[in-house]
Amino acid sequence: MERENGPPVSVGNPTSSRKALRQITSTVRKMSEEMLDTAEETIIDFITCPYCTDYIRPPSVCCESGHFVCRQCKTNISHCPTCGTDRYPNKSNSVFDMILREIYYPCLYQGNGCSAYFKHDQLQIHQNNCKFKMEPCVYQSEGCKVFTKGQDNKIKHETICDYGVRCKIYGEINNKIHVTCTWKGKRKDLLKHVSTSHQYEWSPHEIVSDVALSWILPLNINFEKIQLIHLKDFDEMFFFYSKTIENYQHFVGVQYVGHRESWKKFLYSVEFIYENKKVGFEDLVIPHTVKKTDDVYGANNCFSVHFEFLKKHFLAESVIDCHVRFSFR
C-alpha cells in the first residue's frame, strides 16, 4: 500500500537528539540552581538583622513599616535602622516567627567553607564549635591581629604567639636548678602568677621609680637568678637578670615585659659598690624582642664585668653590693 502524500518526515540522528536533550537539561538545571541561589540570598538578606548583621531568630521584632530586627538589638536602639521610625508594636509577627522556626539557617562561616544548615535552635550550638570559625588570638588585647580557623589551629598559634608573655622566673646555684617556670599568659596576669606561684625569695619586687634595688651578689660560685620587678609608679614590669660565672664574670640586665613601645622610655643603671668605690653602667632596658636568655647576656644587651677587675679594684671578699635604679626619659 502506498503512503499518502504529506510533508516529509525527518527521522534525524538519535545521538544528536540525546546530546541536545542533555544540553537542554543541563541549561535548565543551571538556571534552576541560579534561581535557587538568588532565592537563598534573598531569604538570607530578609532574615539578617540590619543592626548587628546576625540572623534574626524567633521571637522577632518588627517596626510598623514591616522591618525586622533582633529582639536583643531592639533593646539597644530607639529607631528602626532601615526606615528610622520609633514605632514598634508590642507583639511579634506570628507568621514570620513560624517561618523562622521552620527554615534552615546557613552557618555564619559559610564563606570560610562550611556548608552546614541548621534550624535556629541548633545553629548556635554548631557555630560555637564550627571548624571553619575564625577566632581572634587570646592575646588580641596585647596587640596580636591573627585570626585562626578551627580550635586546633587556634591552640597551635597561641602556643607560639609572640604576644603571649612568658614567665622567666629562674634560679640556679652551682648548676643546680632551684626554680624554673613554663607559664605563658597575658601581661596583666603575670604579676598575680608570680606572686602566687613563686613566693618567698622569688616573689616580685614592688618598687617605685625613685627607689634603688640592692643585691648582695656572690662571685665565687656559679649563680643565675631571674626575678620580676614591678615599677608601681608606671604600672610597668621588668625581668631582672643576674648571672655569675664562678671567679670569672658577672652579668646584670633588665628587660621590659610586654609589647608596648614604652620600653624605649625607660633607662636602668647598675652600680657595683664596695666601700667608697663603685663602677656603673646605664642603658635602655632590653626590649621584649630579645627572646632567649643567652641573648640577654650576650651581644652587649646587658652590663658585664670581669671578676679580675672587681678583685683588683673593689673586692676584699667574694661578695659585692649591686644597686639597680630606674629612670624615665
Protein backbone atom coordinates (compact mmCIF):
# COMPACT_ATOMS: atom_id res chain seq x y z
CA MET A 1 0.00 0.00 0.00
CA GLU A 2 1.36 3.37 -0.91
CA ARG A 3 1.82 6.02 1.64
CA GLU A 4 -0.35 9.10 1.39
CA ASN A 5 1.28 12.28 0.25
CA GLY A 6 2.22 14.65 3.01
CA PRO A 7 5.10 16.63 4.47
CA PRO A 8 8.40 14.77 4.61
CA VAL A 9 9.25 13.19 7.97
CA SER A 10 12.74 13.83 9.30
CA VAL A 11 13.92 10.85 11.31
CA GLY A 12 17.11 12.58 12.49
CA ASN A 13 20.20 11.23 14.27
CA PRO A 14 19.38 9.62 17.69
CA THR A 15 22.83 10.53 19.05
CA SER A 16 22.37 14.19 18.19
CA SER A 17 18.94 14.18 19.80
CA ARG A 18 20.29 12.78 23.06
CA LYS A 19 23.09 15.33 23.06
CA ALA A 20 20.63 18.17 22.53
CA LEU A 21 18.44 16.83 25.32
CA ARG A 22 21.40 16.71 27.70
CA GLN A 23 22.29 20.29 26.81
CA ILE A 24 18.72 21.44 27.44
CA THR A 25 18.60 19.52 30.74
CA SER A 26 21.94 20.99 31.82
CA THR A 27 20.80 24.51 30.95
CA VAL A 28 17.53 24.10 32.86
CA ARG A 29 19.39 22.68 35.87
CA LYS A 30 21.86 25.54 35.81
CA MET A 31 19.03 28.08 35.59
CA SER A 32 17.28 26.33 38.49
CA GLU A 33 20.44 26.41 40.62
CA GLU A 34 20.96 30.08 39.85
CA MET A 35 17.35 30.81 40.74
CA LEU A 36 17.72 28.84 43.97
CA ASP A 37 20.95 30.68 44.80
CA THR A 38 19.23 34.01 44.14
CA ALA A 39 16.24 32.96 46.22
CA GLU A 40 18.52 31.83 49.06
CA GLU A 41 20.42 35.11 49.01
CA THR A 42 17.12 36.98 49.14
CA ILE A 43 15.93 34.90 52.10
CA ILE A 44 19.25 35.34 53.93
CA ASP A 45 19.06 39.10 53.39
CA PHE A 46 15.50 39.08 54.69
CA ILE A 47 16.34 37.18 57.89
CA THR A 48 19.51 39.17 58.60
CA CYS A 49 19.25 41.86 61.24
CA PRO A 50 20.24 45.24 59.71
CA TYR A 51 21.69 46.39 63.04
CA CYS A 52 24.02 43.55 64.08
CA THR A 53 24.08 41.62 60.73
CA ASP A 54 23.43 38.33 62.55
CA TYR A 55 20.44 36.14 61.75
CA ILE A 56 17.07 37.08 63.21
CA ARG A 57 15.71 34.30 65.41
CA PRO A 58 12.22 33.95 66.87
CA PRO A 59 10.61 35.77 68.55
CA SER A 60 11.17 38.63 66.12
CA VAL A 61 10.57 42.37 66.48
CA CYS A 62 9.02 44.38 63.66
CA CYS A 63 8.54 48.11 63.23
CA GLU A 64 5.22 49.50 61.94
CA SER A 65 6.68 49.62 58.41
CA GLY A 66 7.44 45.90 58.42
CA HIS A 67 11.20 45.92 59.02
CA PHE A 68 12.56 43.23 61.33
CA VAL A 69 15.39 43.36 63.87
CA CYS A 70 16.70 41.03 66.56
CA ARG A 71 14.85 41.19 69.85
CA GLN A 72 18.21 41.69 71.55
CA CYS A 73 19.10 44.57 69.24
CA LYS A 74 15.76 46.27 69.89
CA THR A 75 16.89 46.89 73.49
CA ASN A 76 19.89 48.86 72.16
CA ILE A 77 18.14 51.05 69.56
CA SER A 78 15.35 53.62 69.65
CA HIS A 79 14.71 53.88 65.90
CA CYS A 80 14.42 51.35 63.10
CA PRO A 81 17.82 51.13 61.33
CA THR A 82 16.02 50.73 57.97
CA CYS A 83 13.34 53.45 57.93
CA GLY A 84 14.01 55.45 61.09
CA THR A 85 10.62 55.06 62.75
CA ASP A 86 10.45 54.74 66.51
CA ARG A 87 7.17 52.85 66.48
CA TYR A 88 7.35 49.16 67.30
CA PRO A 89 4.21 47.13 68.06
CA ASN A 90 4.45 45.19 71.30
CA LYS A 91 3.61 41.85 69.73
CA SER A 92 5.70 39.67 67.40
CA ASN A 93 4.80 38.78 63.82
CA SER A 94 3.49 35.24 64.28
CA VAL A 95 3.68 34.33 60.58
CA PHE A 96 7.29 35.47 60.30
CA ASP A 97 8.19 33.69 63.53
CA MET A 98 6.65 30.49 62.15
CA ILE A 99 8.86 30.80 59.08
CA LEU A 100 11.93 31.45 61.24
CA ARG A 101 11.24 28.29 63.25
CA GLU A 102 10.95 26.12 60.13
CA ILE A 103 13.70 27.35 57.83
CA TYR A 104 17.28 26.07 57.90
CA TYR A 105 19.88 28.75 58.50
CA PRO A 106 23.26 28.54 56.77
CA CYS A 107 26.26 28.57 59.10
CA LEU A 108 27.72 32.06 59.54
CA TYR A 109 31.09 30.65 58.45
CA GLN A 110 29.78 29.60 55.04
CA GLY A 111 32.24 32.00 53.43
CA ASN A 112 35.10 30.09 55.10
CA GLY A 113 33.98 26.76 53.65
CA CYS A 114 31.21 25.47 55.94
CA SER A 115 28.21 24.03 54.07
CA ALA A 116 26.07 23.11 57.11
CA TYR A 117 22.48 24.26 57.64
CA PHE A 118 20.56 24.12 60.92
CA LYS A 119 17.28 25.23 62.42
CA HIS A 120 17.53 28.26 64.67
CA ASP A 121 17.69 26.33 67.96
CA GLN A 122 20.66 24.22 66.78
CA LEU A 123 22.56 26.81 64.78
CA GLN A 124 24.41 28.48 67.66
CA ILE A 125 25.49 25.13 69.08
CA HIS A 126 27.07 24.28 65.75
CA GLN A 127 28.66 27.71 65.23
CA ASN A 128 30.32 27.66 68.65
CA ASN A 129 32.28 24.58 67.58
CA CYS A 130 32.40 25.02 63.81
CA LYS A 131 35.80 24.03 62.43
CA PHE A 132 35.56 26.91 59.95
CA LYS A 133 35.04 29.53 62.67
CA MET A 134 37.55 32.36 62.55
CA GLU A 135 38.56 33.37 66.06
CA PRO A 136 40.89 36.09 67.33
CA CYS A 137 44.01 35.15 69.23
CA VAL A 138 43.63 35.11 73.02
CA TYR A 139 46.41 37.75 73.06
CA GLN A 140 44.43 40.19 70.91
CA SER A 141 44.41 42.68 73.80
CA GLU A 142 48.22 42.56 73.77
CA GLY A 143 48.34 43.52 70.08
CA CYS A 144 48.03 40.25 68.13
CA LYS A 145 45.89 40.62 64.99
CA VAL A 146 45.88 36.96 63.93
CA PHE A 147 42.59 35.10 63.36
CA THR A 148 42.67 31.32 63.06
CA LYS A 149 40.23 28.80 61.62
CA GLY A 150 39.29 25.95 63.96
CA GLN A 151 40.16 25.16 67.58
CA ASP A 152 43.24 23.08 66.73
CA ASN A 153 44.80 25.90 64.71
CA LYS A 154 43.88 28.40 67.44
CA ILE A 155 45.70 26.36 70.10
CA LYS A 156 48.68 25.83 67.81
CA HIS A 157 49.01 29.56 67.10
CA GLU A 158 48.56 30.67 70.72
CA THR A 159 51.28 28.26 71.82
CA ILE A 160 53.83 30.12 69.69
CA CYS A 161 52.21 33.58 69.61
CA ASP A 162 54.82 36.25 70.17
CA TYR A 163 52.33 38.43 72.05
CA GLY A 164 51.92 35.98 74.92
CA VAL A 165 54.09 36.82 77.94
CA ARG A 166 56.22 34.01 79.33
CA CYS A 167 57.23 33.80 82.95
CA LYS A 168 61.04 33.79 83.06
CA ILE A 169 61.48 33.27 86.81
CA TYR A 170 64.59 31.15 87.21
CA GLY A 171 67.09 30.21 89.89
CA GLU A 172 70.28 28.17 89.64
CA ILE A 173 73.20 27.78 92.08
CA ASN A 174 76.27 25.71 91.22
CA ASN A 175 74.47 24.12 88.25
CA LYS A 176 71.54 23.01 90.42
CA ILE A 177 68.21 24.42 89.26
CA HIS A 178 66.05 25.59 92.18
CA VAL A 179 63.17 27.09 90.22
CA THR A 180 62.06 27.35 86.60
CA CYS A 181 58.71 28.11 85.01
CA THR A 182 56.89 27.43 81.73
CA TRP A 183 53.81 29.63 82.38
CA LYS A 184 52.56 31.75 79.48
CA GLY A 185 49.65 34.17 79.53
CA LYS A 186 48.51 37.76 79.30
CA ARG A 187 50.74 40.53 80.56
CA LYS A 188 48.11 41.71 83.06
CA ASP A 189 48.08 38.24 84.68
CA LEU A 190 51.86 37.90 85.09
CA LEU A 191 52.16 39.76 88.40
CA LYS A 192 49.44 37.66 90.03
CA HIS A 193 51.04 34.47 88.71
CA VAL A 194 54.48 35.33 90.09
CA SER A 195 53.03 36.47 93.43
CA THR A 196 51.10 33.23 93.95
CA SER A 197 53.33 30.66 92.24
CA HIS A 198 56.81 32.00 93.10
CA GLN A 199 56.64 33.05 96.73
CA TYR A 200 59.37 33.98 99.20
CA GLU A 201 62.72 34.81 97.59
CA TRP A 202 61.30 34.54 94.05
CA SER A 203 58.35 36.86 94.67
CA PRO A 204 58.17 40.10 92.63
CA HIS A 205 59.88 43.24 93.89
CA GLU A 206 57.40 46.09 94.28
CA ILE A 207 59.21 49.40 93.81
CA VAL A 208 58.54 53.00 92.85
CA SER A 209 60.62 54.89 90.34
CA ASP A 210 62.92 56.67 92.79
CA VAL A 211 63.93 53.65 94.86
CA ALA A 212 67.05 51.64 94.03
CA LEU A 213 67.23 47.88 94.36
CA SER A 214 70.17 46.35 96.15
CA TRP A 215 71.52 42.80 95.89
CA ILE A 216 74.45 41.10 97.57
CA LEU A 217 75.92 39.08 94.73
CA PRO A 218 78.14 36.03 95.26
CA LEU A 219 81.06 35.91 92.84
CA ASN A 220 82.82 32.68 93.86
CA ILE A 221 80.04 30.32 92.70
CA ASN A 222 78.08 29.68 89.52
CA PHE A 223 74.90 31.61 90.06
CA GLU A 224 71.92 32.72 87.98
CA LYS A 225 68.67 34.36 89.00
CA ILE A 226 65.80 35.97 87.08
CA GLN A 227 63.21 37.92 89.05
CA LEU A 228 60.24 40.16 88.29
CA ILE A 229 60.29 43.87 89.10
CA HIS A 230 57.03 45.82 89.28
CA LEU A 231 57.54 49.54 88.78
CA LYS A 232 54.43 50.75 90.58
CA ASP A 233 54.54 54.42 89.55
CA PHE A 234 54.13 53.45 85.90
CA ASP A 235 52.46 50.06 86.34
CA GLU A 236 55.24 48.52 84.28
CA MET A 237 57.08 45.23 84.76
CA PHE A 238 60.63 44.13 84.07
CA PHE A 239 62.66 40.97 84.41
CA PHE A 240 65.91 41.42 86.33
CA TYR A 241 68.72 39.13 85.17
CA SER A 242 71.73 38.34 87.34
CA LYS A 243 74.36 35.75 86.46
CA THR A 244 77.81 34.85 87.78
CA ILE A 245 80.33 32.58 86.10
CA GLU A 246 82.45 31.42 89.04
CA ASN A 247 85.52 33.60 89.59
CA TYR A 248 85.29 34.90 86.02
CA GLN A 249 82.48 37.27 85.05
CA HIS A 250 79.20 38.75 86.27
CA PHE A 251 76.20 39.92 84.20
CA VAL A 252 73.28 42.20 85.11
CA GLY A 253 70.41 43.13 82.79
CA VAL A 254 66.85 44.47 82.91
CA GLN A 255 64.26 43.52 80.28
CA TYR A 256 60.90 45.14 79.61
CA VAL A 257 57.81 42.91 79.89
CA GLY A 258 55.20 43.30 77.14
CA HIS A 259 54.94 44.67 73.62
CA ARG A 260 54.32 48.33 74.27
CA GLU A 261 56.68 50.80 72.66
CA SER A 262 57.08 52.49 76.05
CA TRP A 263 60.12 50.30 76.77
CA LYS A 264 62.09 53.00 74.91
CA LYS A 265 61.29 55.47 77.70
CA PHE A 266 62.99 53.53 80.50
CA LEU A 267 66.65 53.59 81.46
CA TYR A 268 68.24 51.44 84.08
CA SER A 269 71.57 51.94 85.77
CA VAL A 270 73.71 49.35 87.53
CA GLU A 271 76.36 50.14 90.13
CA PHE A 272 78.76 47.70 91.75
CA ILE A 273 79.73 49.22 95.09
CA TYR A 274 82.40 48.27 97.60
CA GLU A 275 83.20 50.69 100.43
CA ASN A 276 83.79 54.04 98.71
CA LYS A 277 84.41 52.67 95.23
CA LYS A 278 81.89 51.99 92.50
CA VAL A 279 81.68 51.17 88.80
CA GLY A 280 78.49 51.83 86.85
CA PHE A 281 76.60 51.28 83.65
CA GLU A 282 73.45 52.89 82.17
CA ASP A 283 71.36 51.90 79.17
CA LEU A 284 67.85 51.48 77.82
CA VAL A 285 66.03 48.47 79.17
CA ILE A 286 66.25 45.38 76.98
CA PRO A 287 63.21 45.10 74.64
CA HIS A 288 60.86 42.12 74.53
CA THR A 289 62.19 41.18 71.09
CA VAL A 290 65.22 39.56 72.76
CA LYS A 291 63.70 36.13 73.40
CA LYS A 292 66.46 33.83 74.59
CA THR A 293 68.13 34.21 77.97
CA ASP A 294 71.55 33.60 76.41
CA ASP A 295 70.91 36.53 74.05
CA VAL A 296 70.12 38.78 77.02
CA TYR A 297 73.57 38.06 78.45
CA GLY A 298 75.25 38.36 75.06
CA ALA A 299 75.59 40.86 72.22
CA ASN A 300 76.04 43.86 74.55
CA ASN A 301 72.44 43.68 75.75
CA CYS A 302 73.37 43.92 79.42
CA PHE A 303 76.13 45.05 81.77
CA SER A 304 79.02 42.65 82.37
CA VAL A 305 82.18 42.92 84.41
CA HIS A 306 85.11 40.55 84.79
CA PHE A 307 85.92 39.15 88.21
CA GLU A 308 89.60 40.09 87.91
CA PHE A 309 88.65 43.75 87.52
CA LEU A 310 86.42 43.63 90.59
CA LYS A 311 89.04 41.75 92.58
CA LYS A 312 91.74 44.24 91.67
CA HIS A 313 89.80 47.43 92.34
CA PHE A 314 86.98 46.53 94.71
CA LEU A 315 86.93 43.23 96.47
CA ALA A 316 88.32 42.03 99.70
CA GLU A 317 85.65 39.35 99.88
CA SER A 318 83.72 37.17 97.44
CA VAL A 319 80.51 39.19 97.50
CA ILE A 320 79.65 42.63 96.17
CA ASP A 321 76.76 45.03 96.61
CA CYS A 322 74.84 45.71 93.40
CA HIS A 323 72.42 48.64 93.01
CA VAL A 324 69.90 48.93 90.18
CA ARG A 325 67.96 52.15 89.61
CA PHE A 326 65.29 53.07 87.07
CA SER A 327 64.85 56.43 85.38
CA PHE A 328 62.34 57.81 82.90
CA ARG A 329 63.46 59.75 79.85
